[in-house]
N, C-alpha and C. Protein backbone atom coordinates (compact mmCIF):
# COMPACT_ATOMS: atom_id res chain seq x y z
N UNK A 1 3.77 32.37 1.12
CA UNK A 1 3.46 31.00 1.47
C UNK A 1 4.73 30.18 1.41
N UNK A 2 4.93 29.34 2.43
CA UNK A 2 6.09 28.46 2.46
C UNK A 2 5.63 27.01 2.34
N UNK A 3 6.06 26.35 1.28
CA UNK A 3 5.74 24.95 1.05
C UNK A 3 6.98 24.12 1.26
N UNK A 4 6.82 23.04 2.01
CA UNK A 4 7.91 22.09 2.22
C UNK A 4 7.45 20.75 1.65
N UNK A 5 8.26 20.21 0.76
CA UNK A 5 7.97 18.90 0.16
C UNK A 5 9.03 17.94 0.68
N UNK A 6 8.59 16.90 1.37
CA UNK A 6 9.48 15.90 1.95
C UNK A 6 9.21 14.59 1.21
N UNK A 7 10.28 13.93 0.78
CA UNK A 7 10.10 12.69 0.04
C UNK A 7 11.14 11.66 0.43
N UNK A 8 10.75 10.41 0.25
CA UNK A 8 11.66 9.27 0.33
C UNK A 8 11.72 8.70 -1.08
N UNK A 9 12.92 8.47 -1.57
CA UNK A 9 13.06 7.95 -2.93
C UNK A 9 14.21 6.95 -2.98
N UNK A 10 13.93 5.78 -3.50
CA UNK A 10 14.97 4.76 -3.63
C UNK A 10 15.59 4.73 -5.02
N UNK A 11 14.80 4.91 -6.05
CA UNK A 11 15.30 4.79 -7.42
C UNK A 11 15.31 6.11 -8.18
N UNK A 12 14.84 7.18 -7.54
CA UNK A 12 14.81 8.48 -8.19
C UNK A 12 13.44 8.88 -8.71
N UNK A 13 12.52 7.95 -8.81
CA UNK A 13 11.19 8.27 -9.35
C UNK A 13 10.41 9.19 -8.41
N UNK A 14 10.41 8.88 -7.14
CA UNK A 14 9.67 9.71 -6.19
C UNK A 14 10.32 11.08 -6.08
N UNK A 15 11.64 11.15 -6.14
CA UNK A 15 12.34 12.44 -6.14
C UNK A 15 11.92 13.28 -7.33
N UNK A 16 11.84 12.66 -8.52
CA UNK A 16 11.42 13.39 -9.71
C UNK A 16 9.99 13.92 -9.57
N UNK A 17 9.11 13.12 -9.00
CA UNK A 17 7.73 13.57 -8.78
C UNK A 17 7.73 14.74 -7.79
N UNK A 18 8.48 14.63 -6.70
CA UNK A 18 8.54 15.71 -5.70
C UNK A 18 9.04 17.00 -6.34
N UNK A 19 10.06 16.91 -7.17
CA UNK A 19 10.59 18.10 -7.84
C UNK A 19 9.57 18.70 -8.80
N UNK A 20 8.80 17.84 -9.48
CA UNK A 20 7.75 18.34 -10.38
C UNK A 20 6.64 19.02 -9.59
N UNK A 21 6.28 18.47 -8.43
CA UNK A 21 5.28 19.10 -7.57
C UNK A 21 5.78 20.48 -7.14
N UNK A 22 7.05 20.56 -6.78
CA UNK A 22 7.64 21.85 -6.39
C UNK A 22 7.55 22.85 -7.53
N UNK A 23 7.82 22.41 -8.75
CA UNK A 23 7.69 23.29 -9.92
C UNK A 23 6.25 23.78 -10.06
N UNK A 24 5.30 22.88 -9.87
CA UNK A 24 3.89 23.25 -9.98
C UNK A 24 3.47 24.27 -8.94
N UNK A 25 3.94 24.09 -7.71
CA UNK A 25 3.64 25.06 -6.65
C UNK A 25 4.21 26.42 -7.03
N UNK A 26 5.46 26.41 -7.48
CA UNK A 26 6.12 27.67 -7.84
C UNK A 26 5.46 28.32 -9.06
N UNK A 27 5.02 27.52 -10.02
CA UNK A 27 4.32 28.07 -11.20
C UNK A 27 3.01 28.74 -10.79
N UNK A 28 2.30 28.12 -9.84
CA UNK A 28 1.01 28.67 -9.41
C UNK A 28 1.19 29.90 -8.52
N UNK A 29 2.28 29.94 -7.78
CA UNK A 29 2.55 31.07 -6.88
C UNK A 29 4.05 31.39 -6.96
N UNK A 30 4.46 32.20 -7.95
CA UNK A 30 5.88 32.51 -8.13
C UNK A 30 6.55 33.12 -6.91
N UNK A 31 5.78 33.72 -6.01
CA UNK A 31 6.36 34.30 -4.80
C UNK A 31 6.52 33.31 -3.67
N UNK A 32 6.04 32.08 -3.86
CA UNK A 32 6.10 31.07 -2.80
C UNK A 32 7.54 30.64 -2.55
N UNK A 33 7.82 30.36 -1.32
CA UNK A 33 9.08 29.74 -0.94
C UNK A 33 8.84 28.24 -0.93
N UNK A 34 9.63 27.49 -1.69
CA UNK A 34 9.42 26.05 -1.80
C UNK A 34 10.73 25.33 -1.48
N UNK A 35 10.67 24.45 -0.49
CA UNK A 35 11.79 23.58 -0.16
C UNK A 35 11.40 22.16 -0.51
N UNK A 36 12.23 21.48 -1.28
CA UNK A 36 12.00 20.09 -1.68
C UNK A 36 13.16 19.28 -1.12
N UNK A 37 12.88 18.45 -0.12
CA UNK A 37 13.94 17.80 0.66
C UNK A 37 13.76 16.30 0.78
N UNK A 38 14.87 15.55 0.69
CA UNK A 38 14.78 14.14 1.05
C UNK A 38 14.48 14.01 2.54
N UNK A 39 13.84 12.95 2.93
CA UNK A 39 13.39 12.76 4.30
C UNK A 39 14.54 12.93 5.30
N UNK A 40 15.74 12.53 4.96
CA UNK A 40 16.88 12.63 5.87
C UNK A 40 17.24 14.09 6.20
N UNK A 41 16.84 15.04 5.35
CA UNK A 41 17.18 16.45 5.56
C UNK A 41 16.01 17.26 6.12
N UNK A 42 14.88 16.64 6.34
CA UNK A 42 13.66 17.36 6.76
C UNK A 42 13.49 17.28 8.26
N UNK A 43 14.13 18.18 8.98
CA UNK A 43 14.02 18.16 10.43
C UNK A 43 12.78 18.93 10.90
N UNK A 44 12.56 18.90 12.19
CA UNK A 44 11.36 19.52 12.77
C UNK A 44 11.29 21.02 12.50
N UNK A 45 12.44 21.70 12.51
CA UNK A 45 12.42 23.15 12.26
C UNK A 45 11.91 23.47 10.87
N UNK A 46 12.29 22.68 9.89
CA UNK A 46 11.84 22.90 8.51
C UNK A 46 10.35 22.67 8.40
N UNK A 47 9.86 21.59 8.99
CA UNK A 47 8.43 21.29 8.86
C UNK A 47 7.58 22.29 9.65
N UNK A 48 8.08 22.78 10.78
CA UNK A 48 7.33 23.77 11.57
C UNK A 48 7.12 25.07 10.81
N UNK A 49 8.04 25.39 9.90
CA UNK A 49 7.95 26.65 9.16
C UNK A 49 7.00 26.58 7.96
N UNK A 50 6.47 25.41 7.68
CA UNK A 50 5.65 25.22 6.48
C UNK A 50 4.22 25.67 6.69
N UNK A 51 3.70 26.35 5.66
CA UNK A 51 2.26 26.61 5.59
C UNK A 51 1.57 25.41 4.93
N UNK A 52 2.31 24.75 4.04
CA UNK A 52 1.84 23.55 3.34
C UNK A 52 2.96 22.53 3.38
N UNK A 53 2.67 21.35 3.93
CA UNK A 53 3.63 20.25 3.98
C UNK A 53 3.14 19.15 3.05
N UNK A 54 3.95 18.82 2.06
CA UNK A 54 3.62 17.77 1.10
C UNK A 54 4.60 16.63 1.33
N UNK A 55 4.09 15.42 1.55
CA UNK A 55 4.94 14.29 1.89
C UNK A 55 4.65 13.14 0.93
N UNK A 56 5.73 12.50 0.44
CA UNK A 56 5.55 11.39 -0.48
C UNK A 56 6.63 10.35 -0.37
N UNK A 57 6.29 9.16 -0.83
CA UNK A 57 7.24 8.06 -0.81
C UNK A 57 6.82 6.96 -1.76
N UNK A 58 7.70 6.00 -1.94
CA UNK A 58 7.38 4.87 -2.82
C UNK A 58 6.44 3.89 -2.14
N UNK A 59 5.75 3.12 -2.92
CA UNK A 59 4.89 2.06 -2.39
C UNK A 59 5.69 0.77 -2.35
N UNK A 60 5.74 0.16 -1.18
CA UNK A 60 6.38 -1.14 -1.01
C UNK A 60 5.37 -2.07 -0.34
N UNK A 61 5.18 -3.23 -0.91
CA UNK A 61 4.29 -4.22 -0.32
C UNK A 61 2.95 -3.62 0.05
N UNK A 62 2.35 -2.86 -0.88
CA UNK A 62 1.02 -2.26 -0.82
C UNK A 62 0.88 -1.10 0.16
N UNK A 63 1.99 -0.57 0.68
CA UNK A 63 1.90 0.55 1.61
C UNK A 63 3.21 1.30 1.69
N UNK A 64 3.39 2.00 2.80
CA UNK A 64 4.62 2.75 3.02
C UNK A 64 5.79 1.78 3.16
N UNK A 65 6.96 2.25 2.78
CA UNK A 65 8.15 1.42 2.90
C UNK A 65 8.47 1.18 4.37
N UNK A 66 9.21 0.13 4.61
CA UNK A 66 9.70 -0.18 5.95
C UNK A 66 11.21 -0.34 5.85
N UNK A 67 11.88 -0.44 6.97
CA UNK A 67 13.32 -0.66 6.93
C UNK A 67 13.67 -1.91 6.13
N UNK A 68 12.92 -2.98 6.33
CA UNK A 68 13.17 -4.22 5.62
C UNK A 68 12.92 -4.06 4.12
N UNK A 69 11.80 -3.45 3.74
CA UNK A 69 11.50 -3.33 2.30
C UNK A 69 12.51 -2.41 1.60
N UNK A 70 13.00 -1.40 2.32
CA UNK A 70 14.01 -0.51 1.73
C UNK A 70 15.33 -1.25 1.52
N UNK A 71 15.73 -2.06 2.49
CA UNK A 71 16.96 -2.85 2.33
C UNK A 71 16.83 -3.85 1.18
N UNK A 72 15.68 -4.52 1.10
CA UNK A 72 15.46 -5.48 0.02
C UNK A 72 15.51 -4.79 -1.34
N UNK A 73 14.91 -3.62 -1.45
CA UNK A 73 14.90 -2.88 -2.72
C UNK A 73 16.31 -2.45 -3.10
N UNK A 74 17.10 -2.01 -2.14
CA UNK A 74 18.47 -1.57 -2.43
C UNK A 74 19.32 -2.74 -2.90
N UNK A 75 19.16 -3.89 -2.27
CA UNK A 75 19.93 -5.07 -2.68
C UNK A 75 19.53 -5.49 -4.09
N UNK A 76 18.23 -5.52 -4.36
CA UNK A 76 17.75 -5.91 -5.69
C UNK A 76 18.27 -4.96 -6.76
N UNK A 77 18.25 -3.67 -6.48
CA UNK A 77 18.71 -2.68 -7.46
C UNK A 77 20.20 -2.82 -7.71
N UNK A 78 20.95 -3.15 -6.68
CA UNK A 78 22.39 -3.32 -6.81
C UNK A 78 22.79 -4.46 -7.72
N UNK A 79 21.89 -5.41 -7.95
CA UNK A 79 22.19 -6.56 -8.81
C UNK A 79 21.80 -6.33 -10.27
N UNK A 80 21.25 -5.18 -10.60
CA UNK A 80 20.80 -4.92 -11.97
C UNK A 80 21.88 -4.19 -12.76
N UNK A 81 22.22 -4.74 -13.88
CA UNK A 81 23.23 -4.13 -14.73
C UNK A 81 22.69 -2.84 -15.36
N UNK A 82 23.51 -1.81 -15.37
CA UNK A 82 23.12 -0.54 -15.96
C UNK A 82 22.30 0.34 -15.04
N UNK A 83 22.15 -0.03 -13.78
CA UNK A 83 21.34 0.74 -12.84
C UNK A 83 22.22 1.33 -11.73
N UNK A 84 23.44 1.68 -12.05
CA UNK A 84 24.38 2.14 -11.04
C UNK A 84 23.90 3.39 -10.31
N UNK A 85 23.34 4.36 -11.05
CA UNK A 85 22.87 5.60 -10.43
C UNK A 85 21.71 5.33 -9.47
N UNK A 86 20.75 4.52 -9.91
CA UNK A 86 19.62 4.19 -9.05
C UNK A 86 20.09 3.36 -7.84
N UNK A 87 21.05 2.47 -8.05
CA UNK A 87 21.57 1.66 -6.94
C UNK A 87 22.26 2.54 -5.91
N UNK A 88 22.99 3.55 -6.37
CA UNK A 88 23.66 4.48 -5.45
C UNK A 88 22.64 5.27 -4.63
N UNK A 89 21.57 5.75 -5.28
CA UNK A 89 20.53 6.48 -4.56
C UNK A 89 19.83 5.57 -3.56
N UNK A 90 19.59 4.32 -3.95
CA UNK A 90 18.94 3.38 -3.04
C UNK A 90 19.81 3.11 -1.82
N UNK A 91 21.12 2.91 -2.03
CA UNK A 91 22.02 2.67 -0.89
C UNK A 91 22.04 3.86 0.05
N UNK A 92 22.06 5.07 -0.50
CA UNK A 92 22.07 6.28 0.32
C UNK A 92 20.77 6.42 1.11
N UNK A 93 19.65 6.14 0.49
CA UNK A 93 18.35 6.25 1.15
C UNK A 93 18.23 5.25 2.29
N UNK A 94 18.73 4.03 2.07
CA UNK A 94 18.63 2.99 3.10
C UNK A 94 19.40 3.39 4.35
N UNK A 95 20.47 4.15 4.20
CA UNK A 95 21.28 4.56 5.35
C UNK A 95 20.54 5.54 6.26
N UNK A 96 19.62 6.32 5.71
CA UNK A 96 18.91 7.33 6.50
C UNK A 96 17.57 6.83 6.98
N UNK A 97 16.81 7.73 7.61
CA UNK A 97 15.49 7.35 8.10
C UNK A 97 14.50 7.25 6.94
N UNK A 98 13.57 6.35 7.05
CA UNK A 98 12.48 6.29 6.10
C UNK A 98 11.34 7.15 6.62
N UNK A 99 10.26 7.21 5.85
CA UNK A 99 9.13 8.03 6.26
C UNK A 99 8.51 7.55 7.58
N UNK A 100 8.45 6.23 7.78
CA UNK A 100 7.85 5.73 9.03
C UNK A 100 8.59 6.28 10.25
N UNK A 101 9.91 6.21 10.23
CA UNK A 101 10.70 6.73 11.35
C UNK A 101 10.57 8.25 11.44
N UNK A 102 10.56 8.92 10.29
CA UNK A 102 10.45 10.37 10.26
C UNK A 102 9.14 10.83 10.92
N UNK A 103 8.07 10.11 10.67
CA UNK A 103 6.78 10.48 11.26
C UNK A 103 6.82 10.40 12.79
N UNK A 104 7.63 9.51 13.35
CA UNK A 104 7.72 9.42 14.82
C UNK A 104 8.25 10.73 15.41
N UNK A 105 9.11 11.43 14.65
CA UNK A 105 9.71 12.68 15.14
C UNK A 105 8.99 13.93 14.64
N UNK A 106 7.98 13.77 13.81
CA UNK A 106 7.26 14.93 13.28
C UNK A 106 6.44 15.56 14.40
N UNK A 107 6.66 16.84 14.66
CA UNK A 107 5.88 17.46 15.74
C UNK A 107 4.41 17.63 15.33
N UNK A 108 3.54 17.56 16.31
CA UNK A 108 2.13 17.85 16.08
C UNK A 108 2.02 19.34 15.79
N UNK A 109 1.19 19.68 14.83
CA UNK A 109 1.08 21.07 14.42
C UNK A 109 -0.17 21.72 15.01
N UNK A 110 -0.20 23.03 14.92
CA UNK A 110 -1.38 23.78 15.34
C UNK A 110 -2.41 23.82 14.23
N UNK A 111 -3.45 24.55 14.45
CA UNK A 111 -4.53 24.68 13.46
C UNK A 111 -4.04 25.40 12.22
N UNK A 112 -4.69 25.12 11.11
CA UNK A 112 -4.45 25.80 9.83
C UNK A 112 -3.06 25.55 9.25
N UNK A 113 -2.53 24.38 9.49
CA UNK A 113 -1.32 23.97 8.78
C UNK A 113 -1.76 22.87 7.81
N UNK A 114 -1.54 23.13 6.55
CA UNK A 114 -2.08 22.27 5.52
C UNK A 114 -1.07 21.22 5.06
N UNK A 115 -1.60 20.13 4.52
CA UNK A 115 -0.73 19.04 4.08
C UNK A 115 -1.37 18.29 2.93
N UNK A 116 -0.54 17.55 2.22
CA UNK A 116 -0.98 16.66 1.14
C UNK A 116 -0.02 15.48 1.08
N UNK A 117 -0.50 14.38 0.53
CA UNK A 117 0.28 13.15 0.47
C UNK A 117 0.28 12.58 -0.95
N UNK A 118 1.43 12.01 -1.34
CA UNK A 118 1.54 11.37 -2.65
C UNK A 118 2.44 10.15 -2.53
N UNK A 119 2.37 9.32 -3.55
CA UNK A 119 3.28 8.18 -3.63
C UNK A 119 3.60 7.88 -5.08
N UNK A 120 4.54 6.97 -5.27
CA UNK A 120 4.79 6.36 -6.57
C UNK A 120 4.41 4.90 -6.42
N UNK A 121 3.83 4.34 -7.48
CA UNK A 121 3.32 2.97 -7.41
C UNK A 121 3.24 2.37 -8.80
N UNK A 122 3.18 1.06 -8.85
CA UNK A 122 2.95 0.38 -10.13
C UNK A 122 1.45 0.30 -10.36
N UNK A 123 1.06 0.19 -11.61
CA UNK A 123 -0.35 0.13 -11.99
C UNK A 123 -0.74 -1.33 -12.19
N UNK A 124 -0.98 -2.00 -11.07
CA UNK A 124 -1.37 -3.41 -11.09
C UNK A 124 -2.49 -3.61 -10.08
N UNK A 125 -3.35 -4.58 -10.34
CA UNK A 125 -4.40 -4.87 -9.35
C UNK A 125 -3.78 -5.20 -7.99
N UNK A 126 -4.37 -4.70 -6.94
CA UNK A 126 -3.95 -4.93 -5.56
C UNK A 126 -2.52 -4.50 -5.26
N UNK A 127 -1.98 -3.55 -6.04
CA UNK A 127 -0.62 -3.07 -5.79
C UNK A 127 -0.60 -2.16 -4.57
N UNK A 128 -1.74 -1.56 -4.25
CA UNK A 128 -1.81 -0.68 -3.09
C UNK A 128 -1.14 0.65 -3.35
N UNK A 129 -0.92 1.39 -2.27
CA UNK A 129 -0.26 2.68 -2.37
C UNK A 129 0.13 3.17 -0.99
N UNK A 130 1.15 3.99 -0.94
CA UNK A 130 1.64 4.55 0.32
C UNK A 130 0.92 5.84 0.71
N UNK A 131 0.32 6.53 -0.25
CA UNK A 131 -0.23 7.86 0.00
C UNK A 131 -1.32 7.88 1.07
N UNK A 132 -2.16 6.87 1.11
CA UNK A 132 -3.22 6.85 2.13
C UNK A 132 -2.61 6.79 3.54
N UNK A 133 -1.60 5.95 3.72
CA UNK A 133 -0.94 5.85 5.02
C UNK A 133 -0.23 7.15 5.40
N UNK A 134 0.36 7.80 4.42
CA UNK A 134 1.02 9.08 4.66
C UNK A 134 -0.01 10.12 5.09
N UNK A 135 -1.13 10.20 4.36
CA UNK A 135 -2.19 11.16 4.71
C UNK A 135 -2.74 10.88 6.10
N UNK A 136 -2.91 9.62 6.44
CA UNK A 136 -3.42 9.25 7.76
C UNK A 136 -2.46 9.73 8.85
N UNK A 137 -1.17 9.53 8.64
CA UNK A 137 -0.19 9.98 9.64
C UNK A 137 -0.15 11.51 9.74
N UNK A 138 -0.30 12.19 8.61
CA UNK A 138 -0.36 13.66 8.66
C UNK A 138 -1.57 14.11 9.48
N UNK A 139 -2.69 13.47 9.27
CA UNK A 139 -3.90 13.81 10.03
C UNK A 139 -3.70 13.56 11.52
N UNK A 140 -3.04 12.47 11.87
CA UNK A 140 -2.79 12.16 13.29
C UNK A 140 -1.90 13.21 13.94
N UNK A 141 -1.10 13.91 13.12
CA UNK A 141 -0.25 14.98 13.64
C UNK A 141 -0.96 16.34 13.53
N UNK A 142 -2.25 16.30 13.28
CA UNK A 142 -3.13 17.48 13.26
C UNK A 142 -2.94 18.39 12.05
N UNK A 143 -2.40 17.86 10.97
CA UNK A 143 -2.35 18.63 9.72
C UNK A 143 -3.71 18.53 9.05
N UNK A 144 -4.12 19.61 8.39
CA UNK A 144 -5.35 19.61 7.61
C UNK A 144 -4.99 19.14 6.20
N UNK A 145 -5.35 17.90 5.87
CA UNK A 145 -5.05 17.34 4.56
C UNK A 145 -6.01 17.95 3.56
N UNK A 146 -5.46 18.69 2.58
CA UNK A 146 -6.28 19.52 1.69
C UNK A 146 -6.57 18.88 0.33
N UNK A 147 -6.04 17.70 0.09
CA UNK A 147 -6.28 17.03 -1.19
C UNK A 147 -6.33 15.53 -0.95
N UNK A 148 -7.04 14.86 -1.83
CA UNK A 148 -7.04 13.40 -1.78
C UNK A 148 -5.61 12.90 -2.02
N UNK A 149 -5.17 11.86 -1.32
CA UNK A 149 -3.85 11.31 -1.58
C UNK A 149 -3.71 10.93 -3.05
N UNK A 150 -2.55 11.21 -3.62
CA UNK A 150 -2.35 11.02 -5.06
C UNK A 150 -1.25 10.00 -5.32
N UNK A 151 -1.50 9.12 -6.28
CA UNK A 151 -0.50 8.12 -6.69
C UNK A 151 -0.02 8.42 -8.09
N UNK A 152 1.29 8.34 -8.29
CA UNK A 152 1.91 8.55 -9.59
C UNK A 152 2.53 7.22 -10.03
N UNK A 153 2.34 6.90 -11.29
CA UNK A 153 2.62 5.55 -11.78
C UNK A 153 4.03 5.40 -12.33
N UNK A 154 4.68 4.31 -11.89
CA UNK A 154 5.95 3.88 -12.48
C UNK A 154 5.68 2.63 -13.30
N UNK A 155 6.42 2.45 -14.36
CA UNK A 155 6.17 1.33 -15.28
C UNK A 155 6.64 -0.02 -14.73
N UNK A 156 7.64 -0.01 -13.89
CA UNK A 156 8.13 -1.23 -13.27
C UNK A 156 8.48 -0.88 -11.84
N UNK A 157 8.83 -1.81 -11.03
CA UNK A 157 9.07 -1.51 -9.62
C UNK A 157 10.13 -0.44 -9.43
N UNK A 158 11.08 -0.35 -10.35
CA UNK A 158 12.12 0.67 -10.22
C UNK A 158 12.02 1.74 -11.30
N UNK A 159 10.91 1.81 -11.99
CA UNK A 159 10.70 2.85 -13.00
C UNK A 159 11.01 2.33 -14.38
N UNK A 160 10.88 3.21 -15.32
CA UNK A 160 10.76 4.66 -15.25
C UNK A 160 9.32 5.09 -14.96
N UNK A 161 9.16 6.39 -14.75
CA UNK A 161 7.83 6.94 -14.58
C UNK A 161 7.05 6.78 -15.88
N UNK A 162 5.76 6.55 -15.76
CA UNK A 162 4.89 6.49 -16.93
C UNK A 162 4.90 7.85 -17.62
N UNK A 163 4.84 7.84 -18.93
CA UNK A 163 4.80 9.08 -19.71
C UNK A 163 3.66 9.96 -19.21
N UNK A 164 3.94 11.24 -19.02
CA UNK A 164 2.94 12.20 -18.59
C UNK A 164 2.82 12.38 -17.09
N UNK A 165 3.47 11.52 -16.30
CA UNK A 165 3.32 11.63 -14.85
C UNK A 165 3.98 12.89 -14.28
N UNK A 166 5.08 13.33 -14.85
CA UNK A 166 5.70 14.56 -14.36
C UNK A 166 4.80 15.77 -14.62
N UNK A 167 4.16 15.80 -15.78
CA UNK A 167 3.20 16.88 -16.06
C UNK A 167 2.02 16.82 -15.09
N UNK A 168 1.56 15.61 -14.82
CA UNK A 168 0.45 15.44 -13.89
C UNK A 168 0.85 15.88 -12.48
N UNK A 169 2.09 15.60 -12.09
CA UNK A 169 2.59 16.02 -10.77
C UNK A 169 2.69 17.54 -10.68
N UNK A 170 3.16 18.19 -11.75
CA UNK A 170 3.22 19.65 -11.77
C UNK A 170 1.82 20.24 -11.61
N UNK A 171 0.86 19.69 -12.33
CA UNK A 171 -0.52 20.19 -12.26
C UNK A 171 -1.10 19.96 -10.85
N UNK A 172 -0.82 18.81 -10.27
CA UNK A 172 -1.30 18.53 -8.91
C UNK A 172 -0.69 19.50 -7.92
N UNK A 173 0.61 19.76 -8.04
CA UNK A 173 1.27 20.73 -7.17
C UNK A 173 0.65 22.11 -7.30
N UNK A 174 0.35 22.53 -8.52
CA UNK A 174 -0.25 23.85 -8.74
C UNK A 174 -1.64 23.92 -8.08
N UNK A 175 -2.40 22.83 -8.13
CA UNK A 175 -3.75 22.82 -7.53
C UNK A 175 -3.69 22.88 -6.00
N UNK A 176 -2.58 22.48 -5.41
CA UNK A 176 -2.47 22.51 -3.95
C UNK A 176 -2.40 23.92 -3.40
N UNK A 177 -1.96 24.85 -4.24
CA UNK A 177 -1.73 26.21 -3.75
C UNK A 177 -3.03 26.97 -3.66
C-alpha cells in the first residue's frame, strides 16, 4: 500500500500532525510506503501513485487558507519575538502554492482510490475547520473519502498543539489503513 500525505503548514503544527499520521500508518502497516510531503512538493505523479491520499491544512477564517490569509499569517508571525523558526516556515509556505491552488491541479482519479482529510484548528465556538472543505474537494476529484474529516487542536492561532494531539493523530493514521 502506498500512502501519500500532503499538507500545508505555516507554523509547523500541521506538519507535525502530518508526520504523526504517517507514523500511525506505518505502525499499522510496517510494509506500507508512506510519503509525507508539503503541498509545494506534491505533484500529480506523486498523488497518482497513491492508494490512500491524506490531505491536511490549517484553518484560516473558518475554512481552508487562501493566499491572503497565508500572507497575513506570515506577516503576523514575523512580528512575534522568539518565533523565528515558525516565521521562517510561514515565509517559505507563503511563497509556494496553498491547498486551494494545489487542488486546481490535482488530477481526477479512477475508482478505488481512497482519501482522508484533516486540519489544525483552535478550539473556540464558530472557529470552523478546513477539513470539511478539503474532503469536499477530494470527493469532487472522485476520491473515495474513507473517514470523517478530522480536526486537531492548537492552543493558539500559531500553536502549540494541544497535549495528546500527536498521539491522537498517530491513532487516526493507523485507523485509516
